[in-house]
Amino acid sequence: MIVANQKVSEHVYYSEVRCRCDRRGRRLCDGGHIRREVLDLFELIRARCSERLGRDCPVQILSGVRCRLYNILVGGASKSQHICGMALDLKTPEGIGVEEFYSICEEEVGDGGLGRYDWGAHIDVCTDPPRRRWIG
């Protein structure tokens, strides 16, 4: 069993990617399972951002795994890749513009999914093909 303060990759703790379905102190699920491929993608994106800035560049994860119920509660797509632990919502890091962050993510995501949400200056990355792009 993975615990909240356990690292699941070099720069990511399980608490950052597990389902956030806590309601009134009760969990609705077991937290879910994040896929290795999406963690590897995150590390590539983070490294590229750090390279671009010439210094360590933390990238905040806004959302990772979602159980079906929590996905409905947050208005996620019915076939969201968050449900199977294959997607992350990432906040544009300080010092990098949204357009540049999107370009970095697009280069690294390859044949997966990539979405841009201007209202929150964040990018949704997904490792699951087919290649698709969207603006929300």
N, C-alpha and C. Protein backbone atom coordinates (compact mmCIF):
# COMPACT_ATOMS: atom_id res chain seq x y z
N MET A 1 0.84 -1.18 0.00
CA MET A 1 0.00 0.00 0.00
C MET A 1 0.89 1.25 0.00
N ILE A 2 0.56 2.18 -0.85
CA ILE A 2 1.31 3.42 -0.94
C ILE A 2 0.72 4.41 0.07
N VAL A 3 1.60 5.13 0.77
CA VAL A 3 1.14 6.13 1.74
C VAL A 3 1.38 7.52 1.18
N ALA A 4 0.66 8.50 1.72
CA ALA A 4 0.65 9.87 1.18
C ALA A 4 2.04 10.48 1.05
N ASN A 5 2.91 10.26 2.03
CA ASN A 5 4.23 10.89 2.00
C ASN A 5 5.29 10.05 1.29
N GLN A 6 4.87 9.05 0.56
CA GLN A 6 5.80 8.19 -0.18
C GLN A 6 6.06 8.77 -1.57
N LYS A 7 7.33 8.79 -1.95
CA LYS A 7 7.66 9.27 -3.30
C LYS A 7 7.29 8.21 -4.32
N VAL A 8 6.69 8.67 -5.43
CA VAL A 8 6.34 7.77 -6.52
C VAL A 8 7.21 8.04 -7.75
N SER A 9 7.96 9.14 -7.71
CA SER A 9 9.00 9.42 -8.70
C SER A 9 9.97 10.39 -8.02
N GLU A 10 10.98 10.82 -8.75
CA GLU A 10 12.02 11.65 -8.14
C GLU A 10 11.48 12.92 -7.49
N HIS A 11 10.49 13.56 -8.10
CA HIS A 11 9.98 14.83 -7.60
C HIS A 11 8.51 14.79 -7.22
N VAL A 12 7.90 13.62 -7.14
CA VAL A 12 6.46 13.54 -6.88
C VAL A 12 6.17 12.62 -5.70
N TYR A 13 5.35 13.14 -4.78
CA TYR A 13 4.84 12.33 -3.68
C TYR A 13 3.44 11.84 -4.04
N TYR A 14 3.08 10.70 -3.50
CA TYR A 14 1.76 10.12 -3.78
C TYR A 14 0.65 11.11 -3.42
N SER A 15 0.82 11.88 -2.36
CA SER A 15 -0.21 12.84 -1.95
C SER A 15 -0.52 13.87 -3.04
N GLU A 16 0.42 14.11 -3.94
CA GLU A 16 0.23 15.07 -5.02
C GLU A 16 -0.61 14.51 -6.17
N VAL A 17 -0.66 13.20 -6.30
CA VAL A 17 -1.33 12.59 -7.46
C VAL A 17 -2.53 11.72 -7.10
N ARG A 18 -2.72 11.39 -5.84
CA ARG A 18 -3.84 10.52 -5.47
C ARG A 18 -5.16 11.26 -5.63
N CYS A 19 -6.22 10.50 -5.70
CA CYS A 19 -7.56 11.09 -5.81
C CYS A 19 -7.83 11.95 -4.59
N ARG A 20 -8.44 13.10 -4.83
CA ARG A 20 -8.72 14.06 -3.76
C ARG A 20 -10.20 14.07 -3.40
N CYS A 21 -10.78 12.90 -3.32
CA CYS A 21 -12.22 12.78 -3.12
C CYS A 21 -12.66 12.86 -1.66
N ASP A 22 -11.83 13.38 -0.79
CA ASP A 22 -12.23 13.53 0.61
C ASP A 22 -13.48 14.40 0.70
N ARG A 23 -14.47 13.92 1.35
CA ARG A 23 -15.68 14.69 1.60
C ARG A 23 -16.02 14.56 3.07
N ARG A 24 -16.00 15.71 3.74
CA ARG A 24 -16.30 15.75 5.18
C ARG A 24 -15.44 14.75 5.95
N GLY A 25 -14.17 14.67 5.58
CA GLY A 25 -13.23 13.81 6.29
C GLY A 25 -13.29 12.34 5.90
N ARG A 26 -14.13 11.98 4.92
CA ARG A 26 -14.24 10.58 4.50
C ARG A 26 -13.76 10.45 3.07
N ARG A 27 -12.93 9.46 2.84
CA ARG A 27 -12.47 9.17 1.48
C ARG A 27 -13.55 8.36 0.77
N LEU A 28 -13.74 8.65 -0.51
CA LEU A 28 -14.71 7.91 -1.31
C LEU A 28 -14.06 6.74 -2.05
N CYS A 29 -12.70 6.74 -2.07
CA CYS A 29 -11.99 5.65 -2.75
C CYS A 29 -10.67 5.40 -2.03
N ASP A 30 -9.87 4.50 -2.57
CA ASP A 30 -8.58 4.17 -1.95
C ASP A 30 -7.44 5.08 -2.41
N GLY A 31 -7.73 6.09 -3.21
CA GLY A 31 -6.72 7.02 -3.70
C GLY A 31 -6.29 6.76 -5.12
N GLY A 32 -6.48 5.53 -5.58
CA GLY A 32 -6.17 5.19 -6.96
C GLY A 32 -4.71 4.91 -7.23
N HIS A 33 -4.43 4.55 -8.47
CA HIS A 33 -3.09 4.17 -8.90
C HIS A 33 -2.65 5.07 -10.05
N ILE A 34 -1.53 5.73 -9.87
CA ILE A 34 -0.97 6.56 -10.94
C ILE A 34 -0.03 5.70 -11.78
N ARG A 35 -0.09 5.84 -13.08
CA ARG A 35 0.71 5.01 -13.98
C ARG A 35 2.14 5.56 -14.11
N ARG A 36 3.07 4.67 -14.21
CA ARG A 36 4.49 5.01 -14.34
C ARG A 36 4.72 5.92 -15.55
N GLU A 37 4.03 5.67 -16.66
CA GLU A 37 4.24 6.45 -17.88
C GLU A 37 3.96 7.94 -17.66
N VAL A 38 2.93 8.26 -16.90
CA VAL A 38 2.59 9.66 -16.69
C VAL A 38 3.58 10.31 -15.71
N LEU A 39 4.09 9.54 -14.77
CA LEU A 39 5.13 10.07 -13.88
C LEU A 39 6.41 10.33 -14.65
N ASP A 40 6.76 9.43 -15.56
CA ASP A 40 7.94 9.64 -16.41
C ASP A 40 7.77 10.88 -17.27
N LEU A 41 6.56 11.07 -17.82
CA LEU A 41 6.27 12.25 -18.62
C LEU A 41 6.43 13.51 -17.77
N PHE A 42 5.90 13.49 -16.56
CA PHE A 42 6.05 14.64 -15.66
C PHE A 42 7.52 14.98 -15.45
N GLU A 43 8.34 13.97 -15.19
CA GLU A 43 9.76 14.21 -14.93
C GLU A 43 10.45 14.80 -16.16
N LEU A 44 10.07 14.36 -17.36
CA LEU A 44 10.63 14.93 -18.59
C LEU A 44 10.24 16.41 -18.73
N ILE A 45 8.97 16.71 -18.48
CA ILE A 45 8.49 18.09 -18.58
C ILE A 45 9.20 18.97 -17.55
N ARG A 46 9.32 18.49 -16.34
CA ARG A 46 9.99 19.26 -15.28
C ARG A 46 11.44 19.52 -15.64
N ALA A 47 12.12 18.51 -16.17
CA ALA A 47 13.53 18.66 -16.56
C ALA A 47 13.67 19.70 -17.67
N ARG A 48 12.77 19.66 -18.65
CA ARG A 48 12.81 20.64 -19.75
C ARG A 48 12.58 22.05 -19.23
N CYS A 49 11.66 22.23 -18.30
CA CYS A 49 11.41 23.55 -17.72
C CYS A 49 12.64 24.03 -16.94
N SER A 50 13.26 23.15 -16.20
CA SER A 50 14.46 23.50 -15.44
C SER A 50 15.60 23.87 -16.39
N GLU A 51 15.73 23.10 -17.46
CA GLU A 51 16.75 23.40 -18.48
C GLU A 51 16.49 24.78 -19.09
N ARG A 52 15.27 25.06 -19.41
CA ARG A 52 14.89 26.34 -20.02
C ARG A 52 15.24 27.51 -19.12
N LEU A 53 15.00 27.38 -17.80
CA LEU A 53 15.26 28.46 -16.86
C LEU A 53 16.70 28.48 -16.35
N GLY A 54 17.42 27.39 -16.55
CA GLY A 54 18.79 27.31 -16.05
C GLY A 54 18.86 27.13 -14.55
N ARG A 55 17.79 26.64 -13.97
CA ARG A 55 17.71 26.38 -12.53
C ARG A 55 16.58 25.38 -12.28
N ASP A 56 16.53 24.86 -11.07
CA ASP A 56 15.46 23.94 -10.71
C ASP A 56 14.11 24.63 -10.89
N CYS A 57 13.18 23.95 -11.53
CA CYS A 57 11.86 24.53 -11.82
C CYS A 57 10.77 23.58 -11.35
N PRO A 58 10.29 23.74 -10.12
CA PRO A 58 9.19 22.92 -9.66
C PRO A 58 7.95 23.13 -10.52
N VAL A 59 7.21 22.06 -10.78
CA VAL A 59 5.96 22.12 -11.53
C VAL A 59 4.88 21.55 -10.62
N GLN A 60 3.86 22.34 -10.35
CA GLN A 60 2.80 21.93 -9.44
C GLN A 60 1.78 21.05 -10.16
N ILE A 61 1.44 19.94 -9.53
CA ILE A 61 0.39 19.05 -10.03
C ILE A 61 -0.93 19.47 -9.40
N LEU A 62 -1.87 19.87 -10.24
CA LEU A 62 -3.18 20.31 -9.75
C LEU A 62 -4.14 19.15 -9.57
N SER A 63 -4.00 18.13 -10.42
CA SER A 63 -4.89 16.97 -10.34
C SER A 63 -4.19 15.77 -10.95
N GLY A 64 -4.38 14.63 -10.33
CA GLY A 64 -3.82 13.38 -10.84
C GLY A 64 -4.94 12.37 -11.01
N VAL A 65 -4.88 11.31 -10.23
CA VAL A 65 -5.88 10.25 -10.29
C VAL A 65 -7.22 10.78 -9.76
N ARG A 66 -8.30 10.36 -10.41
CA ARG A 66 -9.66 10.66 -9.92
C ARG A 66 -10.49 9.38 -9.96
N CYS A 67 -11.20 9.10 -8.89
CA CYS A 67 -12.18 8.02 -8.96
C CYS A 67 -13.35 8.52 -9.81
N ARG A 68 -14.20 7.62 -10.26
CA ARG A 68 -15.32 8.03 -11.13
C ARG A 68 -16.22 9.07 -10.47
N LEU A 69 -16.53 8.88 -9.21
CA LEU A 69 -17.42 9.81 -8.52
C LEU A 69 -16.78 11.20 -8.42
N TYR A 70 -15.51 11.26 -8.03
CA TYR A 70 -14.85 12.56 -7.92
C TYR A 70 -14.73 13.22 -9.29
N ASN A 71 -14.48 12.43 -10.31
CA ASN A 71 -14.39 12.97 -11.67
C ASN A 71 -15.71 13.64 -12.06
N ILE A 72 -16.83 13.03 -11.70
CA ILE A 72 -18.14 13.63 -11.96
C ILE A 72 -18.29 14.92 -11.16
N LEU A 73 -17.89 14.89 -9.88
CA LEU A 73 -18.02 16.06 -9.01
C LEU A 73 -17.24 17.27 -9.52
N VAL A 74 -16.08 17.03 -10.17
CA VAL A 74 -15.27 18.15 -10.67
C VAL A 74 -15.58 18.48 -12.13
N GLY A 75 -16.56 17.80 -12.72
CA GLY A 75 -16.96 18.10 -14.10
C GLY A 75 -16.02 17.53 -15.14
N GLY A 76 -15.31 16.45 -14.80
CA GLY A 76 -14.40 15.81 -15.75
C GLY A 76 -15.14 15.08 -16.86
N ALA A 77 -14.46 14.86 -17.98
CA ALA A 77 -15.04 14.10 -19.09
C ALA A 77 -15.36 12.68 -18.64
N SER A 78 -16.41 12.10 -19.19
CA SER A 78 -16.83 10.76 -18.76
C SER A 78 -15.76 9.69 -19.03
N LYS A 79 -14.93 9.91 -20.04
CA LYS A 79 -13.85 8.96 -20.35
C LYS A 79 -12.49 9.56 -20.03
N SER A 80 -12.44 10.42 -19.01
CA SER A 80 -11.20 11.09 -18.61
C SER A 80 -10.11 10.07 -18.29
N GLN A 81 -8.91 10.37 -18.76
CA GLN A 81 -7.76 9.51 -18.48
C GLN A 81 -7.29 9.65 -17.03
N HIS A 82 -7.81 10.64 -16.31
CA HIS A 82 -7.50 10.76 -14.89
C HIS A 82 -8.04 9.53 -14.14
N ILE A 83 -9.16 8.99 -14.61
CA ILE A 83 -9.79 7.84 -13.94
C ILE A 83 -8.88 6.62 -13.92
N CYS A 84 -8.09 6.45 -14.97
CA CYS A 84 -7.18 5.29 -15.01
C CYS A 84 -5.74 5.68 -14.72
N GLY A 85 -5.53 6.85 -14.11
CA GLY A 85 -4.20 7.25 -13.66
C GLY A 85 -3.22 7.57 -14.77
N MET A 86 -3.73 8.02 -15.92
CA MET A 86 -2.86 8.29 -17.06
C MET A 86 -2.82 9.76 -17.45
N ALA A 87 -3.29 10.66 -16.57
CA ALA A 87 -3.31 12.09 -16.90
C ALA A 87 -2.96 12.92 -15.67
N LEU A 88 -2.41 14.09 -15.94
CA LEU A 88 -2.10 15.07 -14.91
C LEU A 88 -2.50 16.45 -15.39
N ASP A 89 -3.01 17.26 -14.49
CA ASP A 89 -3.21 18.69 -14.76
C ASP A 89 -2.03 19.39 -14.10
N LEU A 90 -1.30 20.19 -14.88
CA LEU A 90 -0.09 20.86 -14.41
C LEU A 90 -0.26 22.38 -14.46
N LYS A 91 0.14 23.04 -13.40
CA LYS A 91 0.11 24.50 -13.37
C LYS A 91 1.34 25.04 -14.09
N THR A 92 1.15 26.06 -14.90
CA THR A 92 2.28 26.69 -15.58
C THR A 92 3.25 27.21 -14.52
N PRO A 93 4.52 26.78 -14.60
CA PRO A 93 5.47 27.20 -13.56
C PRO A 93 5.87 28.67 -13.68
N GLU A 94 6.28 29.24 -12.55
CA GLU A 94 6.75 30.62 -12.52
C GLU A 94 7.96 30.76 -13.43
N GLY A 95 7.98 31.86 -14.20
CA GLY A 95 9.11 32.14 -15.07
C GLY A 95 8.96 31.61 -16.48
N ILE A 96 7.88 30.85 -16.71
CA ILE A 96 7.62 30.30 -18.04
C ILE A 96 6.19 30.70 -18.43
N GLY A 97 6.01 31.23 -19.63
CA GLY A 97 4.69 31.62 -20.09
C GLY A 97 3.86 30.40 -20.47
N VAL A 98 2.55 30.59 -20.51
CA VAL A 98 1.63 29.50 -20.84
C VAL A 98 1.95 28.91 -22.21
N GLU A 99 2.18 29.75 -23.21
CA GLU A 99 2.48 29.27 -24.57
C GLU A 99 3.74 28.41 -24.59
N GLU A 100 4.77 28.88 -23.91
CA GLU A 100 6.03 28.14 -23.88
C GLU A 100 5.86 26.82 -23.12
N PHE A 101 5.14 26.86 -22.01
CA PHE A 101 4.89 25.63 -21.25
C PHE A 101 4.11 24.63 -22.09
N TYR A 102 3.11 25.11 -22.82
CA TYR A 102 2.34 24.25 -23.71
C TYR A 102 3.26 23.61 -24.74
N SER A 103 4.17 24.38 -25.33
CA SER A 103 5.10 23.86 -26.34
C SER A 103 6.01 22.78 -25.76
N ILE A 104 6.51 23.02 -24.55
CA ILE A 104 7.35 22.02 -23.88
C ILE A 104 6.56 20.74 -23.68
N CYS A 105 5.34 20.87 -23.16
CA CYS A 105 4.49 19.70 -22.91
C CYS A 105 4.17 18.98 -24.22
N GLU A 106 3.88 19.74 -25.28
CA GLU A 106 3.54 19.13 -26.56
C GLU A 106 4.70 18.30 -27.11
N GLU A 107 5.91 18.80 -26.98
CA GLU A 107 7.08 18.05 -27.46
C GLU A 107 7.25 16.75 -26.69
N GLU A 108 6.97 16.77 -25.40
CA GLU A 108 7.19 15.59 -24.57
C GLU A 108 6.03 14.60 -24.61
N VAL A 109 4.80 15.08 -24.80
CA VAL A 109 3.63 14.20 -24.74
C VAL A 109 3.52 13.30 -25.98
N GLY A 110 4.09 13.72 -27.10
CA GLY A 110 4.08 12.89 -28.30
C GLY A 110 2.69 12.54 -28.78
N ASP A 111 2.37 11.25 -28.80
CA ASP A 111 1.09 10.77 -29.31
C ASP A 111 -0.02 10.73 -28.28
N GLY A 112 0.22 11.29 -27.11
CA GLY A 112 -0.81 11.32 -26.08
C GLY A 112 -1.70 12.54 -26.23
N GLY A 113 -2.46 12.82 -25.19
CA GLY A 113 -3.37 13.96 -25.21
C GLY A 113 -2.77 15.18 -24.55
N LEU A 114 -3.23 16.35 -25.01
CA LEU A 114 -2.72 17.60 -24.47
C LEU A 114 -3.82 18.65 -24.54
N GLY A 115 -4.17 19.20 -23.40
CA GLY A 115 -5.19 20.23 -23.34
C GLY A 115 -4.68 21.47 -22.66
N ARG A 116 -5.26 22.59 -23.04
CA ARG A 116 -4.86 23.89 -22.47
C ARG A 116 -6.10 24.56 -21.89
N TYR A 117 -5.94 25.06 -20.68
CA TYR A 117 -7.03 25.75 -19.99
C TYR A 117 -6.54 27.13 -19.57
N ASP A 118 -6.86 28.13 -20.36
CA ASP A 118 -6.38 29.49 -20.11
C ASP A 118 -6.89 30.07 -18.80
N TRP A 119 -8.10 29.71 -18.41
CA TRP A 119 -8.68 30.28 -17.19
C TRP A 119 -7.86 29.94 -15.96
N GLY A 120 -7.14 28.85 -16.01
CA GLY A 120 -6.34 28.47 -14.85
C GLY A 120 -4.87 28.41 -15.16
N ALA A 121 -4.48 28.81 -16.37
CA ALA A 121 -3.09 28.76 -16.81
C ALA A 121 -2.49 27.38 -16.53
N HIS A 122 -3.26 26.35 -16.88
CA HIS A 122 -2.70 25.02 -16.70
C HIS A 122 -2.89 24.15 -17.93
N ILE A 123 -2.09 23.09 -17.95
CA ILE A 123 -2.03 22.17 -19.08
C ILE A 123 -2.41 20.78 -18.58
N ASP A 124 -3.22 20.08 -19.35
CA ASP A 124 -3.62 18.70 -19.06
C ASP A 124 -2.80 17.80 -19.98
N VAL A 125 -1.99 16.91 -19.41
CA VAL A 125 -1.20 15.98 -20.21
C VAL A 125 -1.68 14.56 -19.98
N CYS A 126 -1.64 13.76 -21.02
CA CYS A 126 -2.13 12.39 -20.96
C CYS A 126 -1.22 11.52 -21.82
N THR A 127 -0.87 10.35 -21.33
CA THR A 127 0.04 9.47 -22.06
C THR A 127 -0.67 8.52 -23.01
N ASP A 128 -1.97 8.44 -22.93
CA ASP A 128 -2.72 7.46 -23.71
C ASP A 128 -3.00 7.94 -25.13
N PRO A 129 -2.53 7.20 -26.16
CA PRO A 129 -2.90 7.55 -27.54
C PRO A 129 -4.39 7.34 -27.74
N PRO A 130 -5.01 7.86 -28.75
CA PRO A 130 -4.40 8.53 -29.89
C PRO A 130 -4.07 9.98 -29.58
N ARG A 131 -3.26 10.56 -30.44
CA ARG A 131 -2.88 11.97 -30.33
C ARG A 131 -4.14 12.82 -30.43
N ARG A 132 -4.33 13.71 -29.45
CA ARG A 132 -5.46 14.63 -29.50
C ARG A 132 -5.07 15.90 -28.76
N ARG A 133 -5.65 17.02 -29.19
CA ARG A 133 -5.37 18.33 -28.61
C ARG A 133 -6.70 19.04 -28.38
N TRP A 134 -6.82 19.81 -27.29
CA TRP A 134 -8.04 20.54 -27.03
C TRP A 134 -7.74 21.79 -26.21
N ILE A 135 -8.65 22.74 -26.29
CA ILE A 135 -8.58 23.96 -25.51
C ILE A 135 -9.89 24.05 -24.73
N GLY A 136 -9.77 24.26 -23.43
CA GLY A 136 -10.95 24.30 -22.58
C GLY A 136 -11.16 25.64 -21.95
